C-alpha atoms as a PDB file:
ATOM      1  CA  MET A   1       7.409 -17.846 -23.766  1.00  0.00           C
ATOM      2  CA  ALA A   2       6.898 -20.336 -21.109  1.00  0.00           C
ATOM      3  CA  ASP A   3       9.609 -18.791 -18.931  1.00  0.00           C
ATOM      4  CA  THR A   4       7.875 -15.230 -19.565  1.00  0.00           C
ATOM      5  CA  THR A   5       4.630 -16.635 -18.522  1.00  0.00           C
ATOM      6  CA  PHE A   6       5.888 -18.284 -15.500  1.00  0.00           C
ATOM      7  CA  HIS A   7       7.771 -15.155 -14.463  1.00  0.00           C
ATOM      8  CA  LEU A   8       4.724 -13.082 -15.167  1.00  0.00           C
ATOM      9  CA  HIS A   9       2.497 -15.287 -12.854  1.00  0.00           C
ATOM     10  CA  LEU A  10       5.429 -15.564 -10.120  1.00  0.00           C
ATOM     11  CA  ARG A  11       5.025 -11.456 -10.525  1.00  0.00           C
ATOM     12  CA  GLU A  12       1.401 -11.612 -10.141  1.00  0.00           C
ATOM     13  CA  ILE A  13       1.485 -13.445  -6.850  1.00  0.00           C
ATOM     14  CA  VAL A  14       4.588 -11.851  -5.584  1.00  0.00           C
ATOM     15  CA  ASP A  15       4.246  -8.340  -6.414  1.00  0.00           C
ATOM     16  CA  SER A  16       0.564  -7.438  -6.733  1.00  0.00           C
ATOM     17  CA  THR A  17      -2.434  -6.871  -4.756  1.00  0.00           C
ATOM     18  CA  GLU A  18      -4.974  -7.051  -7.317  1.00  0.00           C
ATOM     19  CA  THR A  19      -5.327 -10.775  -7.511  1.00  0.00           C
ATOM     20  CA  ARG A  20      -6.590 -13.076  -5.119  1.00  0.00           C
ATOM     21  CA  ARG A  21      -3.215 -15.326  -4.913  1.00  0.00           C
ATOM     22  CA  GLY A  22      -1.523 -11.988  -4.283  1.00  0.00           C
ATOM     23  CA  GLN A  23      -3.236 -11.043  -1.469  1.00  0.00           C
ATOM     24  CA  VAL A  24      -3.097 -14.240   0.082  1.00  0.00           C
ATOM     25  CA  PHE A  25       0.766 -14.001  -0.354  1.00  0.00           C
ATOM     26  CA  ASN A  26       1.248 -10.928   1.230  1.00  0.00           C
ATOM     27  CA  TYR A  27      -1.127 -11.287   3.683  1.00  0.00           C
ATOM     28  CA  SER A  28       0.443 -14.339   4.682  1.00  0.00           C
ATOM     29  CA  ILE A  29       3.835 -12.729   4.985  1.00  0.00           C
ATOM     30  CA  GLN A  30       2.511  -9.866   7.130  1.00  0.00           C
ATOM     31  CA  THR A  31       0.814 -12.350   9.209  1.00  0.00           C
ATOM     32  CA  LEU A  32       4.482 -14.242   9.633  1.00  0.00           C
ATOM     33  CA  ILE A  33       6.028 -10.554  10.071  1.00  0.00           C
ATOM     34  CA  VAL A  34       3.755 -10.078  13.268  1.00  0.00           C
ATOM     35  CA  TYR A  35       4.498 -13.857  14.446  1.00  0.00           C
ATOM     36  CA  SER A  36       8.141 -13.462  14.141  1.00  0.00           C
ATOM     37  CA  LEU A  37       8.173 -10.258  16.608  1.00  0.00           C
ATOM     38  CA  ILE A  38       5.749 -11.986  19.226  1.00  0.00           C
ATOM     39  CA  THR A  39       8.437 -14.962  19.092  1.00  0.00           C
ATOM     40  CA  PHE A  40      11.382 -12.595  19.305  1.00  0.00           C
ATOM     41  CA  SER A  41       9.406 -10.724  22.264  1.00  0.00           C
ATOM     42  CA  ILE A  42       9.080 -14.096  24.231  1.00  0.00           C
ATOM     43  CA  SER A  43      12.250 -15.245  23.638  1.00  0.00           C
ATOM     44  CA  THR A  44      13.607 -12.183  25.765  1.00  0.00           C
ATOM     45  CA  ILE A  45      11.670 -13.495  28.971  1.00  0.00           C
ATOM     46  CA  PRO A  46      14.271 -15.125  31.147  1.00  0.00           C
ATOM     47  CA  ASP A  47      14.237 -18.548  32.828  1.00  0.00           C
ATOM     48  CA  LEU A  48      12.282 -20.452  29.838  1.00  0.00           C
ATOM     49  CA  SER A  49      11.954 -24.059  29.399  1.00  0.00           C
ATOM     50  CA  SER A  50      14.187 -25.933  27.276  1.00  0.00           C
ATOM     51  CA  ALA A  51      11.344 -26.862  25.210  1.00  0.00           C
ATOM     52  CA  SER A  52      10.390 -23.365  24.920  1.00  0.00           C
ATOM     53  CA  GLN A  53      13.512 -22.142  23.626  1.00  0.00           C
ATOM     54  CA  GLU A  54      13.763 -24.945  21.508  1.00  0.00           C
ATOM     55  CA  PHE A  55      10.509 -24.133  19.804  1.00  0.00           C
ATOM     56  CA  LEU A  56      11.501 -20.573  19.528  1.00  0.00           C
ATOM     57  CA  ARG A  57      14.759 -21.720  17.894  1.00  0.00           C
ATOM     58  CA  TRP A  58      13.013 -23.710  15.092  1.00  0.00           C
ATOM     59  CA  SER A  59      10.294 -21.035  15.028  1.00  0.00           C
ATOM     60  CA  ARG A  60      13.208 -18.353  14.071  1.00  0.00           C
ATOM     61  CA  ILE A  61      14.767 -20.667  11.389  1.00  0.00           C
ATOM     62  CA  VAL A  62      11.319 -21.482   9.679  1.00  0.00           C
ATOM     63  CA  THR A  63      10.495 -17.909   9.402  1.00  0.00           C
ATOM     64  CA  THR A  64      13.861 -16.633   8.516  1.00  0.00           C
ATOM     65  CA  SER A  65      13.788 -19.392   5.812  1.00  0.00           C
ATOM     66  CA  ILE A  66      10.536 -18.167   4.524  1.00  0.00           C
ATOM     67  CA  PHE A  67      11.964 -14.556   4.467  1.00  0.00           C
ATOM     68  CA  SER A  68      14.656 -15.218   2.414  1.00  0.00           C
ATOM     69  CA  VAL A  69      12.851 -17.439  -0.091  1.00  0.00           C
ATOM     70  CA  GLU A  70      10.390 -14.166  -0.141  1.00  0.00           C
ATOM     71  CA  TYR A  71      13.579 -11.737  -0.608  1.00  0.00           C
ATOM     72  CA  LEU A  72      14.865 -13.855  -3.721  1.00  0.00           C
ATOM     73  CA  LEU A  73      11.655 -13.897  -5.322  1.00  0.00           C
ATOM     74  CA  ARG A  74      11.157 -10.280  -5.169  1.00  0.00           C
ATOM     75  CA  ILE A  75      14.504 -10.243  -6.551  1.00  0.00           C
ATOM     76  CA  ILE A  76      13.551 -12.423  -9.429  1.00  0.00           C
ATOM     77  CA  VAL A  77      10.355 -10.526 -10.161  1.00  0.00           C
ATOM     78  CA  ALA A  78      11.674  -7.184 -10.047  1.00  0.00           C
ATOM     79  CA  PRO A  79      11.777  -5.377 -13.361  1.00  0.00           C
ATOM     80  CA  ARG A  80      14.827  -3.781 -12.101  1.00  0.00           C
ATOM     81  CA  LYS A  81      16.781  -5.975  -9.926  1.00  0.00           C
ATOM     82  CA  ARG A  82      19.406  -3.170  -9.062  1.00  0.00           C
ATOM     83  CA  ASP A  83      16.743  -0.724  -7.943  1.00  0.00           C
ATOM     84  CA  TYR A  84      14.869  -3.210  -5.712  1.00  0.00           C
ATOM     85  CA  ILE A  85      17.898  -4.265  -3.821  1.00  0.00           C
ATOM     86  CA  PHE A  86      18.888  -0.869  -3.008  1.00  0.00           C
ATOM     87  CA  SER A  87      15.256   0.611  -2.232  1.00  0.00           C
ATOM     88  CA  PHE A  88      13.811   1.221   1.179  1.00  0.00           C
ATOM     89  CA  TYR A  89      11.959  -2.019   0.926  1.00  0.00           C
ATOM     90  CA  GLY A  90      14.957  -4.017  -0.350  1.00  0.00           C
ATOM     91  CA  ILE A  91      17.084  -3.002   2.327  1.00  0.00           C
ATOM     92  CA  ILE A  92      14.426  -3.534   5.092  1.00  0.00           C
ATOM     93  CA  ASP A  93      13.982  -7.050   3.705  1.00  0.00           C
ATOM     94  CA  LEU A  94      17.670  -7.650   3.694  1.00  0.00           C
ATOM     95  CA  LEU A  95      18.096  -6.729   7.264  1.00  0.00           C
ATOM     96  CA  ALA A  96      15.404  -9.010   8.104  1.00  0.00           C
ATOM     97  CA  ILE A  97      17.245 -11.693   7.350  1.00  0.00           C
ATOM     98  CA  LEU A  98      20.865 -10.998   7.455  1.00  0.00           C
ATOM     99  CA  PRO A  99      21.301 -11.218  11.197  1.00  0.00           C
ATOM    100  CA  PHE A 100      20.354 -14.787  11.205  1.00  0.00           C
ATOM    101  CA  TYR A 101      23.067 -15.722   8.385  1.00  0.00           C
ATOM    102  CA  LEU A 102      26.025 -13.562   9.907  1.00  0.00           C
ATOM    103  CA  THR A 103      24.793 -14.456  13.726  1.00  0.00           C
ATOM    104  CA  LEU A 104      25.462 -10.850  14.427  1.00  0.00           C
ATOM    105  CA  ALA A 105      25.847  -9.825  18.064  1.00  0.00           C
ATOM    106  CA  VAL A 106      22.903  -7.186  17.688  1.00  0.00           C
ATOM    107  CA  ASP A 107      19.566  -8.616  16.890  1.00  0.00           C
ATOM    108  CA  LEU A 108      18.230  -6.843  13.731  1.00  0.00           C
ATOM    109  CA  ARG A 109      14.888  -8.761  13.713  1.00  0.00           C
ATOM    110  CA  ALA A 110      13.036  -5.907  15.124  1.00  0.00           C
ATOM    111  CA  PHE A 111      13.391  -3.891  11.861  1.00  0.00           C
ATOM    112  CA  ARG A 112      10.693  -6.370  10.283  1.00  0.00           C
ATOM    113  CA  ILE A 113       8.205  -3.907  12.226  1.00  0.00           C
ATOM    114  CA  VAL A 114       9.212  -1.400   9.284  1.00  0.00           C
ATOM    115  CA  ARG A 115       8.079  -3.640   6.538  1.00  0.00           C
ATOM    116  CA  LEU A 116       4.247  -3.287   7.747  1.00  0.00           C
ATOM    117  CA  LEU A 117       4.125  -0.167   5.925  1.00  0.00           C
ATOM    118  CA  ARG A 118       3.221  -2.572   2.993  1.00  0.00           C
ATOM    119  CA  LEU A 119      -0.193  -2.669   4.743  1.00  0.00           C
ATOM    120  CA  PHE A 120      -0.915   0.838   3.107  1.00  0.00           C
ATOM    121  CA  ARG A 121      -0.655  -0.602  -0.365  1.00  0.00           C
ATOM    122  CA  LEU A 122      -2.242  -4.096   0.683  1.00  0.00           C
ATOM    123  CA  LEU A 123      -5.517  -2.354   2.192  1.00  0.00           C
ATOM    124  CA  LYS A 124      -5.639   0.533  -0.253  1.00  0.00           C
ATOM    125  CA  ILE A 125      -7.242   2.664   1.976  1.00  0.00           C
ATOM    126  CA  VAL A 126      -7.645   6.237   0.184  1.00  0.00           C
ATOM    127  CA  ARG A 127      -7.845   8.158   3.337  1.00  0.00           C
ATOM    128  CA  TYR A 128      -4.301   6.969   4.406  1.00  0.00           C
ATOM    129  CA  SER A 129      -2.901   7.704   0.979  1.00  0.00           C
ATOM    130  CA  ASN A 130      -4.541  10.987   0.519  1.00  0.00           C
ATOM    131  CA  ALA A 131      -3.101  12.029   4.128  1.00  0.00           C
ATOM    132  CA  ILE A 132       0.622  10.729   3.058  1.00  0.00           C
ATOM    133  CA  ARG A 133       0.264  12.860  -0.006  1.00  0.00           C
ATOM    134  CA  ARG A 134      -0.679  15.517   2.072  1.00  0.00           C
ATOM    135  CA  PHE A 135       2.106  15.470   4.390  1.00  0.00           C
ATOM    136  CA  ARG A 136       4.861  14.766   1.383  1.00  0.00           C
ATOM    137  CA  ARG A 137       3.302  18.054  -0.142  1.00  0.00           C
ATOM    138  CA  ALA A 138       3.491  19.816   3.197  1.00  0.00           C
ATOM    139  CA  PHE A 139       6.820  18.827   4.124  1.00  0.00           C
ATOM    140  CA  THR A 140       8.058  19.880   0.559  1.00  0.00           C
ATOM    141  CA  GLU A 141       6.187  23.680   1.260  1.00  0.00           C
ATOM    142  CA  ILE A 142       8.373  23.982   4.394  1.00  0.00           C
ATOM    143  CA  LYS A 143      11.650  22.081   3.377  1.00  0.00           C
ATOM    144  CA  GLU A 144      13.793  25.043   3.722  1.00  0.00           C
ATOM    145  CA  GLU A 145      12.008  26.806   6.781  1.00  0.00           C
ATOM    146  CA  LEU A 146      12.629  23.517   8.771  1.00  0.00           C
ATOM    147  CA  ILE A 147      16.141  23.287   7.534  1.00  0.00           C
ATOM    148  CA  ILE A 148      16.943  26.632   8.829  1.00  0.00           C
ATOM    149  CA  PHE A 149      14.999  25.994  11.888  1.00  0.00           C
ATOM    150  CA  PHE A 150      16.781  22.802  13.182  1.00  0.00           C
ATOM    151  CA  THR A 151      19.884  24.480  11.892  1.00  0.00           C
ATOM    152  CA  ALA A 152      19.223  27.079  14.473  1.00  0.00           C
ATOM    153  CA  THR A 153      17.911  24.565  17.296  1.00  0.00           C
ATOM    154  CA  MET A 154      21.301  23.021  16.826  1.00  0.00           C
ATOM    155  CA  PHE A 155      23.420  26.154  17.647  1.00  0.00           C
ATOM    156  CA  LEU A 156      20.930  26.804  20.450  1.00  0.00           C
ATOM    157  CA  ILE A 157      21.741  23.009  22.012  1.00  0.00           C
ATOM    158  CA  TYR A 158      25.199  24.047  21.660  1.00  0.00           C
ATOM    159  CA  ILE A 159      24.465  27.566  23.170  1.00  0.00           C
ATOM    160  CA  ALA A 160      22.972  26.176  26.300  1.00  0.00           C
ATOM    161  CA  ALA A 161      25.340  23.220  26.929  1.00  0.00           C
ATOM    162  CA  VAL A 162      28.186  25.939  26.980  1.00  0.00           C
ATOM    163  CA  GLY A 163      26.143  28.290  29.112  1.00  0.00           C
ATOM    164  CA  ILE A 164      25.255  25.985  31.894  1.00  0.00           C
ATOM    165  CA  TYR A 165      28.569  24.114  31.684  1.00  0.00           C
ATOM    166  CA  TYR A 166      30.176  27.377  33.061  1.00  0.00           C
ATOM    167  CA  PHE A 167      27.684  28.035  35.629  1.00  0.00           C
ATOM    168  CA  GLU A 168      27.654  24.568  36.937  1.00  0.00           C
ATOM    169  CA  ASN A 169      31.060  22.858  36.368  1.00  0.00           C
ATOM    170  CA  PRO A 170      32.501  24.654  39.424  1.00  0.00           C
ATOM    171  CA  VAL A 171      29.958  23.225  41.788  1.00  0.00           C
ATOM    172  CA  GLN A 172      28.746  20.068  39.863  1.00  0.00           C
ATOM    173  CA  PRO A 173      31.830  18.856  38.359  1.00  0.00           C
ATOM    174  CA  GLU A 174      30.442  15.231  38.139  1.00  0.00           C
ATOM    175  CA  GLU A 175      27.241  16.056  36.666  1.00  0.00           C
ATOM    176  CA  PHE A 176      28.555  18.781  33.925  1.00  0.00           C
ATOM    177  CA  LYS A 177      32.251  17.487  33.415  1.00  0.00           C
ATOM    178  CA  SER A 178      32.509  19.054  30.158  1.00  0.00           C
ATOM    179  CA  VAL A 179      30.392  20.825  27.548  1.00  0.00           C
ATOM    180  CA  PHE A 180      29.713  17.527  25.967  1.00  0.00           C
ATOM    181  CA  HIS A 181      28.472  16.244  29.031  1.00  0.00           C
ATOM    182  CA  SER A 182      26.433  19.072  29.239  1.00  0.00           C
ATOM    183  CA  LEU A 183      24.891  18.267  26.223  1.00  0.00           C
ATOM    184  CA  TRP A 184      22.442  15.969  27.472  1.00  0.00           C
ATOM    185  CA  TRP A 185      20.842  18.457  29.903  1.00  0.00           C
ATOM    186  CA  ALA A 186      20.537  21.104  27.071  1.00  0.00           C
ATOM    187  CA  VAL A 187      18.184  18.686  24.997  1.00  0.00           C
ATOM    188  CA  ALA A 188      16.147  17.589  27.879  1.00  0.00           C
ATOM    189  CA  THR A 189      15.537  20.891  28.764  1.00  0.00           C
ATOM    190  CA  LEU A 190      15.003  22.557  25.316  1.00  0.00           C
ATOM    191  CA  THR A 191      12.557  20.117  24.257  1.00  0.00           C
ATOM    192  CA  THR A 192      10.847  20.586  27.710  1.00  0.00           C
ATOM    193  CA  VAL A 193      11.298  17.084  28.629  1.00  0.00           C
ATOM    194  CA  GLY A 194      13.350  17.459  31.843  1.00  0.00           C
ATOM    195  CA  TYR A 195      13.995  14.524  33.200  1.00  0.00           C
ATOM    196  CA  GLY A 196      15.206  15.626  36.491  1.00  0.00           C
ATOM    197  CA  ASP A 197      18.586  13.576  36.667  1.00  0.00           C
ATOM    198  CA  VAL A 198      20.511  16.451  35.855  1.00  0.00           C
ATOM    199  CA  TYR A 199      19.546  20.167  37.264  1.00  0.00           C
ATOM    200  CA  PRO A 200      21.385  23.209  37.985  1.00  0.00           C
ATOM    201  CA  VAL A 201      21.767  24.188  41.813  1.00  0.00           C
ATOM    202  CA  THR A 202      23.158  27.828  41.472  1.00  0.00           C
ATOM    203  CA  LEU A 203      21.398  30.993  40.776  1.00  0.00           C
ATOM    204  CA  GLY A 204      22.894  31.950  37.781  1.00  0.00           C
ATOM    205  CA  GLY A 205      22.315  28.171  36.219  1.00  0.00           C
ATOM    206  CA  ARG A 206      18.697  28.182  37.438  1.00  0.00           C
ATOM    207  CA  LEU A 207      18.050  31.561  35.845  1.00  0.00           C
ATOM    208  CA  PHE A 208      19.932  30.599  32.753  1.00  0.00           C
ATOM    209  CA  THR A 209      17.644  27.131  32.893  1.00  0.00           C
ATOM    210  CA  PHE A 210      14.553  29.345  32.628  1.00  0.00           C
ATOM    211  CA  VAL A 211      15.484  31.699  29.953  1.00  0.00           C
ATOM    212  CA  ILE A 212      16.346  28.045  27.809  1.00  0.00           C
ATOM    213  CA  LEU A 213      13.082  26.644  28.846  1.00  0.00           C
ATOM    214  CA  MET A 214      11.065  29.678  27.578  1.00  0.00           C
ATOM    215  CA  LEU A 215      13.417  29.256  24.066  1.00  0.00           C
ATOM    216  CA  GLY A 216      12.721  25.366  24.265  1.00  0.00           C
ATOM    217  CA  LEU A 217       8.694  26.157  24.202  1.00  0.00           C
ATOM    218  CA  GLY A 218       9.523  27.671  20.892  1.00  0.00           C
ATOM    219  CA  VAL A 219      11.399  24.962  19.444  1.00  0.00           C
ATOM    220  CA  VAL A 220       8.115  22.473  20.318  1.00  0.00           C
ATOM    221  CA  SER A 221       5.687  24.965  18.832  1.00  0.00           C
ATOM    222  CA  VAL A 222       7.450  26.697  15.634  1.00  0.00           C
ATOM    223  CA  PRO A 223       7.891  23.267  13.483  1.00  0.00           C
ATOM    224  CA  ALA A 224       4.307  22.502  14.766  1.00  0.00           C
ATOM    225  CA  GLY A 225       3.001  25.522  13.517  1.00  0.00           C
ATOM    226  CA  LEU A 226       4.925  25.322  10.276  1.00  0.00           C
ATOM    227  CA  LEU A 227       3.639  22.040   9.558  1.00  0.00           C
ATOM    228  CA  SER A 228      -0.212  22.754  10.926  1.00  0.00           C
ATOM    229  CA  SER A 229      -0.220  25.777   8.364  1.00  0.00           C
ATOM    230  CA  ALA A 230       1.329  24.118   5.286  1.00  0.00           C
ATOM    231  CA  LEU A 231      -1.057  20.847   5.841  1.00  0.00           C
ATOM    232  CA  GLU A 232      -4.064  23.139   5.653  1.00  0.00           C
ATOM    233  CA  LYS A 233      -2.611  24.641   2.665  1.00  0.00           C
ATOM    234  CA  ALA A 234      -1.885  21.319   1.150  1.00  0.00           C
ATOM    235  CA  SER A 235      -5.606  20.036   1.933  1.00  0.00           C
ATOM    236  CA  LYS A 236      -7.204  22.870   0.407  1.00  0.00           C
ATOM    237  CA  THR A 237      -4.965  23.072  -2.858  1.00  0.00           C
ATOM    238  CA  ILE A 238      -6.075  18.922  -3.074  1.00  0.00           C
ATOM    239  CA  ARG A 239      -9.751  19.860  -2.471  1.00  0.00           C
ATOM    240  CA  GLN A 240      -9.588  22.512  -5.304  1.00  0.00           C
ATOM    241  CA  ARG A 241      -8.439  20.056  -7.603  1.00  0.00           C
END
């Protein structure tokens, strides 16, 4: 009975935002996340003094230790431990501490910022939760249309890469070495970004680019229109309830 009571109290602190202690615990973790991101950003500054580097090192040790304890506590209080471990938040929590222990070459601490999504649960802002429900409903409504559209977009990107390759490769062999090298141009052009680092110089290539740019306007506008229409429909449905 004592163990059960302790477990309930621990869960009330770690996994609840309804109690004062739970709110203090969760807000403290969120504050620590922000602090760790700030110290991580500072650590990228070149020519830091030895004292600053030592302070940042100990900051990383302390924050990672606290995140490790938090991760273990969340496993302990989880009703279904396996479900938490392999859940979205469970994986993010693990990625936040794993690099410290494995000393990976790639620093994954920036993933902690994703954990700030818990602020939606903490603040309980009704407007945001309603907005999330509308977005989920809207995406569900147009899921099949989006899949078809993005599949067609992938084909279009490939066709654009092949086309520009045949037009420009003879005169710009370094920039358009192959169809695969031309994919960068195709993506930048179809999305109407147009970085200008690679561009056609032949008449045929420029005419082809004009056609791709016109199609690129549809690539941007079609999903936006679909989502806008679906959101409006979802909003009306929710208001009618």
